[in-house]
Amino acid sequence: MDREAAERIGAATERDPESATALSGFDERAADAAERNEPEDDDDDFWEEDY
């Protein structure tokens, strides 16, 4: 799941808070999945070392 898909799901649950998606908490699980799937932003510069 990517961030855009999670945002669409979140927006849909805001439009209809009584929907099955909203009541099941799927929007929160989608946001969590999108966060897990985002690449980590490392400040190590491991690949950019000068030799």
C-alpha atoms as a PDB file:
ATOM      1  CA  MET A   1       0.000   0.000   0.000  1.00  0.00           C
ATOM      2  CA  ASP A   2       1.391   3.409  -0.868  1.00  0.00           C
ATOM      3  CA  ARG A   3       0.734   6.783   0.757  1.00  0.00           C
ATOM      4  CA  GLU A   4      -1.643   7.942  -2.010  1.00  0.00           C
ATOM      5  CA  ALA A   5      -3.861   4.880  -1.644  1.00  0.00           C
ATOM      6  CA  ALA A   6      -3.954   5.273   2.133  1.00  0.00           C
ATOM      7  CA  GLU A   7      -4.921   8.929   1.747  1.00  0.00           C
ATOM      8  CA  ARG A   8      -7.773   7.997  -0.606  1.00  0.00           C
ATOM      9  CA  ILE A   9      -9.054   5.462   1.925  1.00  0.00           C
ATOM     10  CA  GLY A  10      -8.781   8.016   4.719  1.00  0.00           C
ATOM     11  CA  ALA A  11     -10.675  10.603   2.671  1.00  0.00           C
ATOM     12  CA  ALA A  12     -13.426   8.074   1.931  1.00  0.00           C
ATOM     13  CA  THR A  13     -13.853   7.289   5.618  1.00  0.00           C
ATOM     14  CA  GLU A  14     -14.117  11.010   6.393  1.00  0.00           C
ATOM     15  CA  ARG A  15     -16.850  11.397   3.748  1.00  0.00           C
ATOM     16  CA  ASP A  16     -18.830   8.464   5.156  1.00  0.00           C
ATOM     17  CA  PRO A  17     -17.847   7.763   8.764  1.00  0.00           C
ATOM     18  CA  GLU A  18     -20.611   5.163   9.094  1.00  0.00           C
ATOM     19  CA  SER A  19     -19.307   3.029   6.213  1.00  0.00           C
ATOM     20  CA  ALA A  20     -18.014  -0.475   6.809  1.00  0.00           C
ATOM     21  CA  THR A  21     -14.501   0.701   5.895  1.00  0.00           C
ATOM     22  CA  ALA A  22     -14.604   3.497   8.453  1.00  0.00           C
ATOM     23  CA  LEU A  23     -16.135   1.383  11.198  1.00  0.00           C
ATOM     24  CA  SER A  24     -13.623  -1.441  10.698  1.00  0.00           C
ATOM     25  CA  GLY A  25     -10.609   0.827  11.197  1.00  0.00           C
ATOM     26  CA  PHE A  26      -9.278  -0.016   7.755  1.00  0.00           C
ATOM     27  CA  ASP A  27      -8.146   3.579   7.211  1.00  0.00           C
ATOM     28  CA  GLU A  28      -5.755   3.327  10.165  1.00  0.00           C
ATOM     29  CA  ARG A  29      -4.397  -0.022   8.972  1.00  0.00           C
ATOM     30  CA  ALA A  30      -3.922   1.415   5.476  1.00  0.00           C
ATOM     31  CA  ALA A  31      -1.981   4.375   6.873  1.00  0.00           C
ATOM     32  CA  ASP A  32       0.192   2.019   8.932  1.00  0.00           C
ATOM     33  CA  ALA A  33       0.886  -0.148   5.878  1.00  0.00           C
ATOM     34  CA  ALA A  34       1.801   2.883   3.780  1.00  0.00           C
ATOM     35  CA  GLU A  35       4.216   4.028   6.470  1.00  0.00           C
ATOM     36  CA  ARG A  36       5.836   0.585   6.604  1.00  0.00           C
ATOM     37  CA  ASN A  37       6.215   0.530   2.830  1.00  0.00           C
ATOM     38  CA  GLU A  38       7.864   3.934   2.509  1.00  0.00           C
ATOM     39  CA  PRO A  39      11.605   3.819   1.990  1.00  0.00           C
ATOM     40  CA  GLU A  40      13.642   4.767   5.000  1.00  0.00           C
ATOM     41  CA  ASP A  41      15.373   8.121   4.846  1.00  0.00           C
ATOM     42  CA  ASP A  42      18.875   7.336   6.069  1.00  0.00           C
ATOM     43  CA  ASP A  43      21.282  10.170   6.665  1.00  0.00           C
ATOM     44  CA  ASP A  44      24.278   7.844   6.563  1.00  0.00           C
ATOM     45  CA  ASP A  45      25.371   8.771   3.030  1.00  0.00           C
ATOM     46  CA  PHE A  46      26.826   5.257   2.873  1.00  0.00           C
ATOM     47  CA  TRP A  47      26.789   5.165  -0.910  1.00  0.00           C
ATOM     48  CA  GLU A  48      28.123   8.699  -1.254  1.00  0.00           C
ATOM     49  CA  GLU A  49      31.408   8.277   0.607  1.00  0.00           C
ATOM     50  CA  ASP A  50      34.448   9.916  -0.931  1.00  0.00           C
ATOM     51  CA  TYR A  51      37.457   7.666  -1.356  1.00  0.00           C
END
